[in-house]
Amino acid sequence: MSNLISIGVEQGMQNFRIDTHAMNKRMQGLIKSAGFHYCGIVNQGDEVQERLGYELNL
């Protein structure tokens, strides 16, 4: 994941967002270890599935 963030920074990006399913504990751990902070629940249109949203501001 850090490689993707590095590429984004090289292209001038300073804000990164990611979401994952609430049951995907492994991904949540990876996201948090990369420095992302929990922001809230993300709804995907008319679908019932809610996702947990995370954000990283550099």
PDB file of N, CA and C in Angstrom:
ATOM      1  N   MET A   1       0.820  -1.181   0.000  1.00  0.00           N
ATOM      2  CA  MET A   1       0.000   0.000   0.000  1.00  0.00           C
ATOM      3  C   MET A   1       0.870   1.253   0.000  1.00  0.00           C
ATOM      4  N   SER A   2       2.009   1.213   0.679  1.00  0.00           N
ATOM      5  CA  SER A   2       2.866   2.398   0.739  1.00  0.00           C
ATOM      6  C   SER A   2       3.382   2.784  -0.645  1.00  0.00           C
ATOM      7  N   ASN A   3       3.576   1.795  -1.537  1.00  0.00           N
ATOM      8  CA  ASN A   3       4.002   2.105  -2.905  1.00  0.00           C
ATOM      9  C   ASN A   3       2.936   2.913  -3.638  1.00  0.00           C
ATOM     10  N   LEU A   4       1.678   2.557  -3.434  1.00  0.00           N
ATOM     11  CA  LEU A   4       0.595   3.293  -4.082  1.00  0.00           C
ATOM     12  C   LEU A   4       0.524   4.725  -3.558  1.00  0.00           C
ATOM     13  N   ILE A   5       0.707   4.892  -2.259  1.00  0.00           N
ATOM     14  CA  ILE A   5       0.700   6.232  -1.676  1.00  0.00           C
ATOM     15  C   ILE A   5       1.880   7.040  -2.217  1.00  0.00           C
ATOM     16  N   SER A   6       3.047   6.421  -2.315  1.00  0.00           N
ATOM     17  CA  SER A   6       4.230   7.112  -2.857  1.00  0.00           C
ATOM     18  C   SER A   6       3.990   7.573  -4.285  1.00  0.00           C
ATOM     19  N   ILE A   7       3.389   6.730  -5.099  1.00  0.00           N
ATOM     20  CA  ILE A   7       3.084   7.096  -6.483  1.00  0.00           C
ATOM     21  C   ILE A   7       2.103   8.265  -6.509  1.00  0.00           C
ATOM     22  N   GLY A   8       1.088   8.222  -5.650  1.00  0.00           N
ATOM     23  CA  GLY A   8       0.126   9.313  -5.577  1.00  0.00           C
ATOM     24  C   GLY A   8       0.774  10.625  -5.181  1.00  0.00           C
ATOM     25  N   VAL A   9       1.670  10.580  -4.205  1.00  0.00           N
ATOM     26  CA  VAL A   9       2.370  11.792  -3.756  1.00  0.00           C
ATOM     27  C   VAL A   9       3.212  12.355  -4.892  1.00  0.00           C
ATOM     28  N   GLU A  10       3.891  11.483  -5.644  1.00  0.00           N
ATOM     29  CA  GLU A  10       4.688  11.931  -6.789  1.00  0.00           C
ATOM     30  C   GLU A  10       3.834  12.642  -7.823  1.00  0.00           C
ATOM     31  N   GLN A  11       2.559  12.280  -7.889  1.00  0.00           N
ATOM     32  CA  GLN A  11       1.641  12.896  -8.850  1.00  0.00           C
ATOM     33  C   GLN A  11       0.889  14.078  -8.255  1.00  0.00           C
ATOM     34  N   GLY A  12       1.264  14.480  -7.042  1.00  0.00           N
ATOM     35  CA  GLY A  12       0.687  15.672  -6.428  1.00  0.00           C
ATOM     36  C   GLY A  12      -0.521  15.437  -5.542  1.00  0.00           C
ATOM     37  N   MET A  13      -0.862  14.206  -5.274  1.00  0.00           N
ATOM     38  CA  MET A  13      -2.018  13.910  -4.423  1.00  0.00           C
ATOM     39  C   MET A  13      -1.637  14.053  -2.961  1.00  0.00           C
ATOM     40  N   GLN A  14      -2.551  14.614  -2.178  1.00  0.00           N
ATOM     41  CA  GLN A  14      -2.317  14.796  -0.747  1.00  0.00           C
ATOM     42  C   GLN A  14      -3.411  14.174   0.102  1.00  0.00           C
ATOM     43  N   ASN A  15      -4.457  13.675  -0.523  1.00  0.00           N
ATOM     44  CA  ASN A  15      -5.590  13.103   0.189  1.00  0.00           C
ATOM     45  C   ASN A  15      -5.927  11.752  -0.425  1.00  0.00           C
ATOM     46  N   PHE A  16      -6.028  10.743   0.434  1.00  0.00           N
ATOM     47  CA  PHE A  16      -6.323   9.392  -0.025  1.00  0.00           C
ATOM     48  C   PHE A  16      -7.505   8.847   0.755  1.00  0.00           C
ATOM     49  N   ARG A  17      -8.413   8.181   0.070  1.00  0.00           N
ATOM     50  CA  ARG A  17      -9.578   7.579   0.715  1.00  0.00           C
ATOM     51  C   ARG A  17      -9.680   6.122   0.306  1.00  0.00           C
ATOM     52  N   ILE A  18     -10.164   5.320   1.253  1.00  0.00           N
ATOM     53  CA  ILE A  18     -10.335   3.897   0.990  1.00  0.00           C
ATOM     54  C   ILE A  18     -11.500   3.407   1.840  1.00  0.00           C
ATOM     55  N   ASP A  19     -12.188   2.391   1.350  1.00  0.00           N
ATOM     56  CA  ASP A  19     -13.254   1.793   2.154  1.00  0.00           C
ATOM     57  C   ASP A  19     -13.150   0.279   2.086  1.00  0.00           C
ATOM     58  N   THR A  20     -13.728  -0.369   3.089  1.00  0.00           N
ATOM     59  CA  THR A  20     -13.707  -1.822   3.163  1.00  0.00           C
ATOM     60  C   THR A  20     -14.942  -2.308   3.903  1.00  0.00           C
ATOM     61  N   HIS A  21     -15.246  -3.573   3.745  1.00  0.00           N
ATOM     62  CA  HIS A  21     -16.386  -4.179   4.420  1.00  0.00           C
ATOM     63  C   HIS A  21     -16.107  -4.274   5.915  1.00  0.00           C
ATOM     64  N   ALA A  22     -17.121  -4.130   6.727  1.00  0.00           N
ATOM     65  CA  ALA A  22     -16.972  -4.162   8.180  1.00  0.00           C
ATOM     66  C   ALA A  22     -16.406  -5.490   8.691  1.00  0.00           C
ATOM     67  N   MET A  23     -16.623  -6.562   7.963  1.00  0.00           N
ATOM     68  CA  MET A  23     -16.130  -7.864   8.406  1.00  0.00           C
ATOM     69  C   MET A  23     -14.682  -8.125   7.990  1.00  0.00           C
ATOM     70  N   ASN A  24     -14.117  -7.270   7.155  1.00  0.00           N
ATOM     71  CA  ASN A  24     -12.760  -7.470   6.650  1.00  0.00           C
ATOM     72  C   ASN A  24     -11.746  -6.880   7.632  1.00  0.00           C
ATOM     73  N   LYS A  25     -11.553  -7.583   8.734  1.00  0.00           N
ATOM     74  CA  LYS A  25     -10.680  -7.098   9.817  1.00  0.00           C
ATOM     75  C   LYS A  25      -9.218  -6.997   9.384  1.00  0.00           C
ATOM     76  N   ARG A  26      -8.772  -7.911   8.538  1.00  0.00           N
ATOM     77  CA  ARG A  26      -7.380  -7.879   8.082  1.00  0.00           C
ATOM     78  C   ARG A  26      -7.086  -6.602   7.295  1.00  0.00           C
ATOM     79  N   MET A  27      -7.985  -6.248   6.384  1.00  0.00           N
ATOM     80  CA  MET A  27      -7.809  -5.025   5.599  1.00  0.00           C
ATOM     81  C   MET A  27      -7.885  -3.794   6.495  1.00  0.00           C
ATOM     82  N   GLN A  28      -8.774  -3.802   7.474  1.00  0.00           N
ATOM     83  CA  GLN A  28      -8.874  -2.676   8.396  1.00  0.00           C
ATOM     84  C   GLN A  28      -7.549  -2.470   9.138  1.00  0.00           C
ATOM     85  N   GLY A  29      -6.910  -3.560   9.528  1.00  0.00           N
ATOM     86  CA  GLY A  29      -5.615  -3.467  10.191  1.00  0.00           C
ATOM     87  C   GLY A  29      -4.555  -2.875   9.286  1.00  0.00           C
ATOM     88  N   LEU A  30      -4.536  -3.308   8.023  1.00  0.00           N
ATOM     89  CA  LEU A  30      -3.578  -2.769   7.060  1.00  0.00           C
ATOM     90  C   LEU A  30      -3.805  -1.276   6.816  1.00  0.00           C
ATOM     91  N   ILE A  31      -5.061  -0.914   6.697  1.00  0.00           N
ATOM     92  CA  ILE A  31      -5.416   0.486   6.452  1.00  0.00           C
ATOM     93  C   ILE A  31      -4.952   1.353   7.618  1.00  0.00           C
ATOM     94  N   LYS A  32      -5.246   0.909   8.841  1.00  0.00           N
ATOM     95  CA  LYS A  32      -4.852   1.679  10.026  1.00  0.00           C
ATOM     96  C   LYS A  32      -3.338   1.745  10.169  1.00  0.00           C
ATOM     97  N   SER A  33      -2.639   0.653   9.862  1.00  0.00           N
ATOM     98  CA  SER A  33      -1.178   0.655   9.991  1.00  0.00           C
ATOM     99  C   SER A  33      -0.521   1.570   8.956  1.00  0.00           C
ATOM    100  N   ALA A  34      -1.232   1.879   7.870  1.00  0.00           N
ATOM    101  CA  ALA A  34      -0.716   2.794   6.850  1.00  0.00           C
ATOM    102  C   ALA A  34      -0.988   4.255   7.219  1.00  0.00           C
ATOM    103  N   GLY A  35      -1.661   4.479   8.347  1.00  0.00           N
ATOM    104  CA  GLY A  35      -1.885   5.840   8.805  1.00  0.00           C
ATOM    105  C   GLY A  35      -3.254   6.417   8.509  1.00  0.00           C
ATOM    106  N   PHE A  36      -4.138   5.627   7.923  1.00  0.00           N
ATOM    107  CA  PHE A  36      -5.485   6.097   7.627  1.00  0.00           C
ATOM    108  C   PHE A  36      -6.298   6.206   8.914  1.00  0.00           C
ATOM    109  N   HIS A  37      -7.251   7.143   8.937  1.00  0.00           N
ATOM    110  CA  HIS A  37      -8.131   7.334  10.083  1.00  0.00           C
ATOM    111  C   HIS A  37      -9.567   7.047   9.671  1.00  0.00           C
ATOM    112  N   TYR A  38     -10.303   6.416  10.561  1.00  0.00           N
ATOM    113  CA  TYR A  38     -11.708   6.083  10.302  1.00  0.00           C
ATOM    114  C   TYR A  38     -12.520   7.361  10.186  1.00  0.00           C
ATOM    115  N   CYS A  39     -13.374   7.451   9.149  1.00  0.00           N
ATOM    116  CA  CYS A  39     -14.198   8.639   8.918  1.00  0.00           C
ATOM    117  C   CYS A  39     -15.685   8.387   9.091  1.00  0.00           C
ATOM    118  N   GLY A  40     -16.130   7.156   8.844  1.00  0.00           N
ATOM    119  CA  GLY A  40     -17.552   6.863   8.958  1.00  0.00           C
ATOM    120  C   GLY A  40     -17.988   5.799   7.977  1.00  0.00           C
ATOM    121  N   ILE A  41     -19.291   5.671   7.852  1.00  0.00           N
ATOM    122  CA  ILE A  41     -19.883   4.645   6.996  1.00  0.00           C
ATOM    123  C   ILE A  41     -20.121   5.216   5.606  1.00  0.00           C
ATOM    124  N   VAL A  42     -19.778   4.437   4.594  1.00  0.00           N
ATOM    125  CA  VAL A  42     -19.960   4.815   3.194  1.00  0.00           C
ATOM    126  C   VAL A  42     -21.084   3.950   2.627  1.00  0.00           C
ATOM    127  N   ASN A  43     -22.112   4.596   2.076  1.00  0.00           N
ATOM    128  CA  ASN A  43     -23.195   3.877   1.407  1.00  0.00           C
ATOM    129  C   ASN A  43     -22.924   3.881  -0.084  1.00  0.00           C
ATOM    130  N   GLN A  44     -23.127   2.742  -0.712  1.00  0.00           N
ATOM    131  CA  GLN A  44     -22.855   2.625  -2.146  1.00  0.00           C
ATOM    132  C   GLN A  44     -24.165   2.620  -2.922  1.00  0.00           C
ATOM    133  N   GLY A  45     -24.661   3.799  -3.212  1.00  0.00           N
ATOM    134  CA  GLY A  45     -25.872   3.929  -4.009  1.00  0.00           C
ATOM    135  C   GLY A  45     -27.054   3.239  -3.365  1.00  0.00           C
ATOM    136  N   ASP A  46     -27.766   2.481  -4.175  1.00  0.00           N
ATOM    137  CA  ASP A  46     -28.966   1.802  -3.699  1.00  0.00           C
ATOM    138  C   ASP A  46     -28.668   0.469  -3.033  1.00  0.00           C
ATOM    139  N   GLU A  47     -27.404   0.054  -3.072  1.00  0.00           N
ATOM    140  CA  GLU A  47     -27.042  -1.226  -2.476  1.00  0.00           C
ATOM    141  C   GLU A  47     -27.163  -1.158  -0.954  1.00  0.00           C
ATOM    142  N   VAL A  48     -27.445  -2.284  -0.358  1.00  0.00           N
ATOM    143  CA  VAL A  48     -27.637  -2.364   1.084  1.00  0.00           C
ATOM    144  C   VAL A  48     -26.307  -2.392   1.821  1.00  0.00           C
ATOM    145  N   GLN A  49     -25.250  -2.849   1.154  1.00  0.00           N
ATOM    146  CA  GLN A  49     -23.958  -3.002   1.814  1.00  0.00           C
ATOM    147  C   GLN A  49     -23.372  -1.662   2.238  1.00  0.00           C
ATOM    148  N   GLU A  50     -23.066  -1.568   3.520  1.00  0.00           N
ATOM    149  CA  GLU A  50     -22.372  -0.393   4.027  1.00  0.00           C
ATOM    150  C   GLU A  50     -20.890  -0.724   4.139  1.00  0.00           C
ATOM    151  N   ARG A  51     -20.053   0.249   3.907  1.00  0.00           N
ATOM    152  CA  ARG A  51     -18.602   0.077   3.973  1.00  0.00           C
ATOM    153  C   ARG A  51     -18.047   1.050   5.006  1.00  0.00           C
ATOM    154  N   LEU A  52     -16.910   0.707   5.577  1.00  0.00           N
ATOM    155  CA  LEU A  52     -16.231   1.590   6.519  1.00  0.00           C
ATOM    156  C   LEU A  52     -15.254   2.457   5.739  1.00  0.00           C
ATOM    157  N   GLY A  53     -15.366   3.767   5.891  1.00  0.00           N
ATOM    158  CA  GLY A  53     -14.531   4.700   5.149  1.00  0.00           C
ATOM    159  C   GLY A  53     -13.357   5.193   5.971  1.00  0.00           C
ATOM    160  N   TYR A  54     -12.190   5.278   5.324  1.00  0.00           N
ATOM    161  CA  TYR A  54     -10.961   5.740   5.953  1.00  0.00           C
ATOM    162  C   TYR A  54     -10.328   6.803   5.064  1.00  0.00           C
ATOM    163  N   GLU A  55      -9.546   7.696   5.678  1.00  0.00           N
ATOM    164  CA  GLU A  55      -8.923   8.777   4.935  1.00  0.00           C
ATOM    165  C   GLU A  55      -7.516   9.040   5.467  1.00  0.00           C
ATOM    166  N   LEU A  56      -6.621   9.421   4.557  1.00  0.00           N
ATOM    167  CA  LEU A  56      -5.255   9.793   4.899  1.00  0.00           C
ATOM    168  C   LEU A  56      -4.963  11.145   4.264  1.00  0.00           C
ATOM    169  N   ASN A  57      -4.642  12.144   5.087  1.00  0.00           N
ATOM    170  CA  ASN A  57      -4.291  13.476   4.606  1.00  0.00           C
ATOM    171  C   ASN A  57      -2.819  13.714   4.868  1.00  0.00           C
ATOM    172  N   LEU A  58      -2.083  14.076   3.840  1.00  0.00           N
ATOM    173  CA  LEU A  58      -0.649  14.340   3.983  1.00  0.00           C
ATOM    174  C   LEU A  58      -0.373  15.832   3.938  1.00  0.00           C
TER     175      LEU A  58
END
